[in-house]
């Protein structure tokens, strides 16, 4: 294991922040965990890694929002069952938007699992 770390260290130090950025776009939660381990091992600098992870997460959100707004209707037209599910979800979100925005929680059990009406 130590030999593997010695071989990976120069690669991670040279390309690590690029990998963190691309990993945040592809799978943010996993990349945060891996980045934290690499920072703890001293293979990545902490604050630049945090900045790159935030940048990757924000740009990923913006990209996927743009892709959905630009191509969502076309993609949903290829999959009628997904269109029906998306329409039901949108109706549900529209109906419950004020409750979702206020973040109603139960004082004893965390998030309220009771009906919203």
N, C-alpha and C. Protein backbone atom coordinates (compact mmCIF):
# COMPACT_ATOMS: atom_id res chain seq x y z
N UNK A 1 0.83 -1.19 0.00
CA UNK A 1 0.00 0.00 0.00
C UNK A 1 0.87 1.26 0.00
N UNK A 2 1.96 1.21 0.78
CA UNK A 2 2.84 2.37 0.85
C UNK A 2 3.50 2.63 -0.51
N UNK A 3 3.84 1.57 -1.21
CA UNK A 3 4.45 1.70 -2.53
C UNK A 3 3.47 2.37 -3.50
N UNK A 4 2.21 1.97 -3.43
CA UNK A 4 1.19 2.58 -4.29
C UNK A 4 1.03 4.07 -4.00
N UNK A 5 1.01 4.44 -2.73
CA UNK A 5 0.91 5.86 -2.36
C UNK A 5 2.12 6.65 -2.87
N UNK A 6 3.30 6.05 -2.80
CA UNK A 6 4.49 6.74 -3.28
C UNK A 6 4.42 6.95 -4.79
N UNK A 7 3.86 6.00 -5.50
CA UNK A 7 3.75 6.14 -6.95
C UNK A 7 2.65 7.13 -7.34
N UNK A 8 1.58 7.18 -6.57
CA UNK A 8 0.46 8.08 -6.90
C UNK A 8 0.70 9.51 -6.45
N UNK A 9 1.52 9.73 -5.46
CA UNK A 9 1.70 11.07 -4.90
C UNK A 9 2.08 12.11 -5.94
N UNK A 10 3.07 11.90 -6.80
CA UNK A 10 3.39 12.94 -7.79
C UNK A 10 2.25 13.20 -8.75
N UNK A 11 1.54 12.14 -9.14
CA UNK A 11 0.42 12.29 -10.07
C UNK A 11 -0.70 13.09 -9.42
N UNK A 12 -1.01 12.76 -8.18
CA UNK A 12 -2.09 13.47 -7.48
C UNK A 12 -1.70 14.92 -7.25
N UNK A 13 -0.45 15.18 -6.89
CA UNK A 13 -0.04 16.57 -6.66
C UNK A 13 -0.04 17.37 -7.95
N UNK A 14 0.24 16.74 -9.08
CA UNK A 14 0.26 17.47 -10.34
C UNK A 14 -1.14 17.66 -10.92
N UNK A 15 -1.97 16.63 -10.89
CA UNK A 15 -3.28 16.68 -11.53
C UNK A 15 -4.44 16.63 -10.55
N UNK A 16 -4.17 16.62 -9.26
CA UNK A 16 -5.21 16.41 -8.26
C UNK A 16 -6.36 17.40 -8.30
N UNK A 17 -6.04 18.68 -8.44
CA UNK A 17 -7.12 19.68 -8.43
C UNK A 17 -7.98 19.60 -9.69
N UNK A 18 -7.38 19.22 -10.80
CA UNK A 18 -8.17 19.02 -12.03
C UNK A 18 -9.11 17.83 -11.83
N UNK A 19 -8.59 16.78 -11.23
CA UNK A 19 -9.42 15.60 -10.96
C UNK A 19 -10.53 15.93 -9.98
N UNK A 20 -10.24 16.75 -8.98
CA UNK A 20 -11.27 17.16 -8.03
C UNK A 20 -12.38 17.92 -8.76
N UNK A 21 -12.00 18.85 -9.63
CA UNK A 21 -13.00 19.63 -10.39
C UNK A 21 -13.86 18.71 -11.25
N UNK A 22 -13.24 17.84 -12.04
CA UNK A 22 -14.00 16.93 -12.91
C UNK A 22 -14.81 15.94 -12.09
N UNK A 23 -14.25 15.49 -10.97
CA UNK A 23 -14.99 14.58 -10.10
C UNK A 23 -16.22 15.22 -9.48
N UNK A 24 -16.13 16.51 -9.17
CA UNK A 24 -17.29 17.21 -8.62
C UNK A 24 -18.39 17.33 -9.67
N UNK A 25 -18.01 17.46 -10.93
CA UNK A 25 -19.02 17.52 -11.99
C UNK A 25 -19.68 16.15 -12.15
N UNK A 26 -18.88 15.09 -12.10
CA UNK A 26 -19.42 13.75 -12.32
C UNK A 26 -20.15 13.20 -11.09
N UNK A 27 -19.52 13.23 -9.94
CA UNK A 27 -20.11 12.65 -8.73
C UNK A 27 -19.56 13.38 -7.52
N UNK A 28 -20.27 14.40 -7.09
CA UNK A 28 -19.79 15.28 -6.05
C UNK A 28 -19.56 14.66 -4.70
N UNK A 29 -20.51 13.86 -4.22
CA UNK A 29 -20.40 13.31 -2.86
C UNK A 29 -19.17 12.42 -2.72
N UNK A 30 -18.95 11.57 -3.68
CA UNK A 30 -17.80 10.67 -3.64
C UNK A 30 -16.51 11.47 -3.74
N UNK A 31 -16.49 12.49 -4.58
CA UNK A 31 -15.28 13.28 -4.76
C UNK A 31 -14.95 14.07 -3.49
N UNK A 32 -15.95 14.54 -2.78
CA UNK A 32 -15.70 15.24 -1.52
C UNK A 32 -15.00 14.30 -0.53
N UNK A 33 -15.47 13.07 -0.43
CA UNK A 33 -14.86 12.10 0.47
C UNK A 33 -13.42 11.81 0.06
N UNK A 34 -13.20 11.55 -1.21
CA UNK A 34 -11.84 11.26 -1.69
C UNK A 34 -10.93 12.47 -1.49
N UNK A 35 -11.43 13.65 -1.78
CA UNK A 35 -10.63 14.86 -1.61
C UNK A 35 -10.24 15.07 -0.15
N UNK A 36 -11.17 14.80 0.75
CA UNK A 36 -10.87 14.93 2.17
C UNK A 36 -9.78 13.98 2.62
N UNK A 37 -9.83 12.76 2.14
CA UNK A 37 -8.79 11.78 2.47
C UNK A 37 -7.44 12.24 1.93
N UNK A 38 -7.43 12.72 0.67
CA UNK A 38 -6.18 13.18 0.07
C UNK A 38 -5.62 14.40 0.80
N UNK A 39 -6.49 15.28 1.25
CA UNK A 39 -6.03 16.43 2.04
C UNK A 39 -5.47 15.97 3.38
N UNK A 40 -6.14 15.03 4.02
CA UNK A 40 -5.66 14.52 5.31
C UNK A 40 -4.31 13.83 5.19
N UNK A 41 -4.07 13.20 4.05
CA UNK A 41 -2.79 12.52 3.81
C UNK A 41 -1.70 13.51 3.38
N UNK A 42 -2.09 14.76 3.16
CA UNK A 42 -1.12 15.76 2.74
C UNK A 42 -0.82 15.74 1.25
N UNK A 43 -1.63 15.04 0.49
CA UNK A 43 -1.40 14.95 -0.95
C UNK A 43 -2.01 16.11 -1.72
N UNK A 44 -3.01 16.77 -1.12
CA UNK A 44 -3.63 17.95 -1.73
C UNK A 44 -3.67 19.07 -0.70
N UNK A 45 -3.50 20.31 -1.15
CA UNK A 45 -3.62 21.44 -0.22
C UNK A 45 -5.10 21.67 0.12
N UNK A 46 -5.37 21.96 1.37
CA UNK A 46 -6.76 22.03 1.84
C UNK A 46 -7.57 23.14 1.17
N UNK A 47 -7.16 24.41 1.33
CA UNK A 47 -8.00 25.52 0.85
C UNK A 47 -8.15 25.56 -0.67
N UNK A 48 -7.10 25.31 -1.45
CA UNK A 48 -7.33 25.24 -2.90
C UNK A 48 -8.28 24.10 -3.29
N UNK A 49 -8.21 23.00 -2.55
CA UNK A 49 -9.12 21.88 -2.83
C UNK A 49 -10.56 22.27 -2.53
N UNK A 50 -10.77 22.97 -1.43
CA UNK A 50 -12.12 23.44 -1.08
C UNK A 50 -12.64 24.38 -2.17
N UNK A 51 -11.80 25.32 -2.61
CA UNK A 51 -12.22 26.27 -3.64
C UNK A 51 -12.56 25.57 -4.96
N UNK A 52 -11.72 24.62 -5.37
CA UNK A 52 -11.97 23.89 -6.61
C UNK A 52 -13.22 23.02 -6.49
N UNK A 53 -13.44 22.42 -5.33
CA UNK A 53 -14.64 21.60 -5.13
C UNK A 53 -15.90 22.45 -5.21
N UNK A 54 -15.87 23.62 -4.61
CA UNK A 54 -17.04 24.53 -4.69
C UNK A 54 -17.27 24.95 -6.14
N UNK A 55 -16.20 25.33 -6.84
CA UNK A 55 -16.31 25.73 -8.23
C UNK A 55 -16.87 24.59 -9.09
N UNK A 56 -16.39 23.38 -8.87
CA UNK A 56 -16.88 22.23 -9.62
C UNK A 56 -18.34 21.93 -9.33
N UNK A 57 -18.74 22.03 -8.06
CA UNK A 57 -20.14 21.78 -7.71
C UNK A 57 -21.07 22.81 -8.29
N UNK A 58 -20.69 24.08 -8.22
CA UNK A 58 -21.54 25.16 -8.75
C UNK A 58 -21.62 25.07 -10.28
N UNK A 59 -20.48 24.85 -10.93
CA UNK A 59 -20.52 24.78 -12.39
C UNK A 59 -21.28 23.54 -12.86
N UNK A 60 -21.21 22.46 -12.11
CA UNK A 60 -21.99 21.27 -12.44
C UNK A 60 -23.49 21.55 -12.35
N UNK A 61 -23.90 22.22 -11.27
CA UNK A 61 -25.32 22.57 -11.13
C UNK A 61 -25.78 23.46 -12.29
N UNK A 62 -24.96 24.43 -12.64
CA UNK A 62 -25.32 25.33 -13.73
C UNK A 62 -25.41 24.59 -15.06
N UNK A 63 -24.44 23.70 -15.31
CA UNK A 63 -24.45 22.95 -16.56
C UNK A 63 -25.70 22.08 -16.68
N UNK A 64 -26.01 21.32 -15.62
CA UNK A 64 -27.15 20.42 -15.69
C UNK A 64 -28.47 21.18 -15.75
N UNK A 65 -28.54 22.35 -15.10
CA UNK A 65 -29.74 23.17 -15.23
C UNK A 65 -29.91 23.62 -16.67
N UNK A 66 -28.82 24.11 -17.27
CA UNK A 66 -28.86 24.55 -18.66
C UNK A 66 -29.24 23.40 -19.59
N UNK A 67 -28.65 22.22 -19.38
CA UNK A 67 -28.95 21.06 -20.23
C UNK A 67 -30.42 20.68 -20.12
N UNK A 68 -30.97 20.70 -18.91
CA UNK A 68 -32.38 20.37 -18.74
C UNK A 68 -33.30 21.40 -19.36
N UNK A 69 -32.95 22.67 -19.18
CA UNK A 69 -33.78 23.74 -19.77
C UNK A 69 -33.70 23.73 -21.29
N UNK A 70 -32.54 23.39 -21.83
CA UNK A 70 -32.36 23.42 -23.28
C UNK A 70 -32.85 22.16 -23.97
N UNK A 71 -32.63 21.01 -23.37
CA UNK A 71 -32.90 19.75 -24.06
C UNK A 71 -33.90 18.85 -23.33
N UNK A 72 -34.43 19.29 -22.20
CA UNK A 72 -35.31 18.45 -21.40
C UNK A 72 -36.55 17.99 -22.12
N UNK A 73 -37.22 18.90 -22.82
CA UNK A 73 -38.43 18.53 -23.55
C UNK A 73 -38.14 17.49 -24.62
N UNK A 74 -37.04 17.68 -25.34
CA UNK A 74 -36.68 16.74 -26.40
C UNK A 74 -36.38 15.35 -25.82
N UNK A 75 -35.64 15.31 -24.73
CA UNK A 75 -35.31 14.02 -24.11
C UNK A 75 -36.57 13.37 -23.57
N UNK A 76 -37.44 14.13 -22.93
CA UNK A 76 -38.68 13.56 -22.41
C UNK A 76 -39.59 13.05 -23.52
N UNK A 77 -39.51 13.63 -24.70
CA UNK A 77 -40.35 13.14 -25.81
C UNK A 77 -39.91 11.75 -26.26
N UNK A 78 -38.67 11.38 -25.99
CA UNK A 78 -38.20 10.04 -26.35
C UNK A 78 -38.67 8.99 -25.35
N UNK A 79 -39.02 9.40 -24.13
CA UNK A 79 -39.40 8.48 -23.06
C UNK A 79 -40.74 8.92 -22.47
N UNK A 80 -41.85 8.49 -23.07
CA UNK A 80 -43.18 8.93 -22.60
C UNK A 80 -43.46 8.62 -21.13
N UNK A 81 -42.98 7.50 -20.63
CA UNK A 81 -43.27 7.18 -19.22
C UNK A 81 -42.57 8.18 -18.30
N UNK A 82 -41.37 8.64 -18.66
CA UNK A 82 -40.67 9.64 -17.86
C UNK A 82 -41.38 10.99 -17.94
N UNK A 83 -41.97 11.30 -19.09
CA UNK A 83 -42.71 12.55 -19.23
C UNK A 83 -43.88 12.57 -18.26
N UNK A 84 -44.61 11.46 -18.18
CA UNK A 84 -45.75 11.38 -17.25
C UNK A 84 -45.27 11.55 -15.81
N UNK A 85 -44.17 10.90 -15.46
CA UNK A 85 -43.65 11.02 -14.10
C UNK A 85 -43.19 12.45 -13.81
N UNK A 86 -42.55 13.07 -14.78
CA UNK A 86 -42.09 14.46 -14.61
C UNK A 86 -43.28 15.39 -14.43
N UNK A 87 -44.34 15.20 -15.20
CA UNK A 87 -45.52 16.05 -15.07
C UNK A 87 -46.18 15.87 -13.70
N UNK A 88 -46.24 14.63 -13.20
CA UNK A 88 -46.80 14.40 -11.86
C UNK A 88 -45.94 15.06 -10.80
N UNK A 89 -44.62 14.98 -10.95
CA UNK A 89 -43.72 15.59 -9.97
C UNK A 89 -43.86 17.11 -10.00
N UNK A 90 -43.94 17.70 -11.18
CA UNK A 90 -44.10 19.15 -11.28
C UNK A 90 -45.40 19.60 -10.64
N UNK A 91 -46.48 18.83 -10.86
CA UNK A 91 -47.76 19.18 -10.24
C UNK A 91 -47.65 19.09 -8.72
N UNK A 92 -46.98 18.08 -8.22
CA UNK A 92 -46.80 17.92 -6.78
C UNK A 92 -45.97 19.06 -6.20
N UNK A 93 -44.89 19.42 -6.87
CA UNK A 93 -44.04 20.51 -6.39
C UNK A 93 -44.80 21.83 -6.44
N UNK A 94 -45.57 22.08 -7.51
CA UNK A 94 -46.36 23.31 -7.58
C UNK A 94 -47.37 23.38 -6.44
N UNK A 95 -47.97 22.25 -6.12
CA UNK A 95 -48.98 22.21 -5.05
C UNK A 95 -48.36 22.42 -3.68
N UNK A 96 -47.16 21.90 -3.48
CA UNK A 96 -46.53 21.94 -2.17
C UNK A 96 -45.42 22.97 -2.05
N UNK A 97 -45.25 23.83 -3.04
CA UNK A 97 -44.14 24.79 -3.05
C UNK A 97 -44.06 25.65 -1.79
N UNK A 98 -45.17 26.21 -1.29
CA UNK A 98 -45.04 27.03 -0.08
C UNK A 98 -44.54 26.23 1.13
N UNK A 99 -44.96 25.00 1.25
CA UNK A 99 -44.53 24.17 2.37
C UNK A 99 -43.06 23.79 2.20
N UNK A 100 -42.66 23.44 0.97
CA UNK A 100 -41.27 23.08 0.73
C UNK A 100 -40.35 24.26 0.98
N UNK A 101 -40.79 25.46 0.65
CA UNK A 101 -39.96 26.65 0.82
C UNK A 101 -39.76 27.00 2.29
N UNK A 102 -40.73 26.68 3.14
CA UNK A 102 -40.60 27.02 4.55
C UNK A 102 -39.82 25.97 5.33
N UNK A 103 -39.66 24.77 4.75
CA UNK A 103 -38.89 23.73 5.43
C UNK A 103 -39.55 23.25 6.70
N UNK A 104 -40.85 23.01 6.69
CA UNK A 104 -41.59 22.57 7.87
C UNK A 104 -40.99 21.30 8.44
N UNK A 105 -40.71 21.32 9.73
CA UNK A 105 -40.18 20.13 10.41
C UNK A 105 -40.94 19.91 11.70
N UNK A 106 -40.86 18.69 12.17
CA UNK A 106 -41.46 18.34 13.44
C UNK A 106 -40.44 18.64 14.55
N UNK A 107 -40.90 19.15 15.67
CA UNK A 107 -39.97 19.50 16.74
C UNK A 107 -39.42 18.26 17.44
N UNK A 108 -40.07 17.10 17.28
CA UNK A 108 -39.59 15.91 17.97
C UNK A 108 -38.95 14.89 17.06
N UNK A 109 -39.28 14.87 15.79
CA UNK A 109 -38.81 13.78 14.92
C UNK A 109 -38.05 14.26 13.70
N UNK A 110 -37.55 15.46 13.69
CA UNK A 110 -36.83 15.95 12.52
C UNK A 110 -37.81 16.27 11.41
N UNK A 111 -37.52 15.88 10.18
CA UNK A 111 -38.44 16.17 9.09
C UNK A 111 -39.79 15.53 9.34
N UNK A 112 -40.81 16.25 9.03
CA UNK A 112 -42.17 15.76 9.26
C UNK A 112 -42.55 14.76 8.19
N UNK A 113 -42.98 13.59 8.61
CA UNK A 113 -43.43 12.59 7.66
C UNK A 113 -44.94 12.52 7.63
N UNK A 114 -45.58 13.50 8.23
CA UNK A 114 -47.03 13.55 8.20
C UNK A 114 -47.48 14.14 6.89
N UNK A 115 -48.74 13.95 6.50
CA UNK A 115 -49.22 14.56 5.26
C UNK A 115 -49.06 16.06 5.28
N UNK A 116 -48.84 16.65 4.12
CA UNK A 116 -48.59 18.09 4.00
C UNK A 116 -49.87 18.91 3.99
N UNK A 117 -51.00 18.29 3.96
CA UNK A 117 -52.26 19.04 3.88
C UNK A 117 -52.93 19.16 5.21
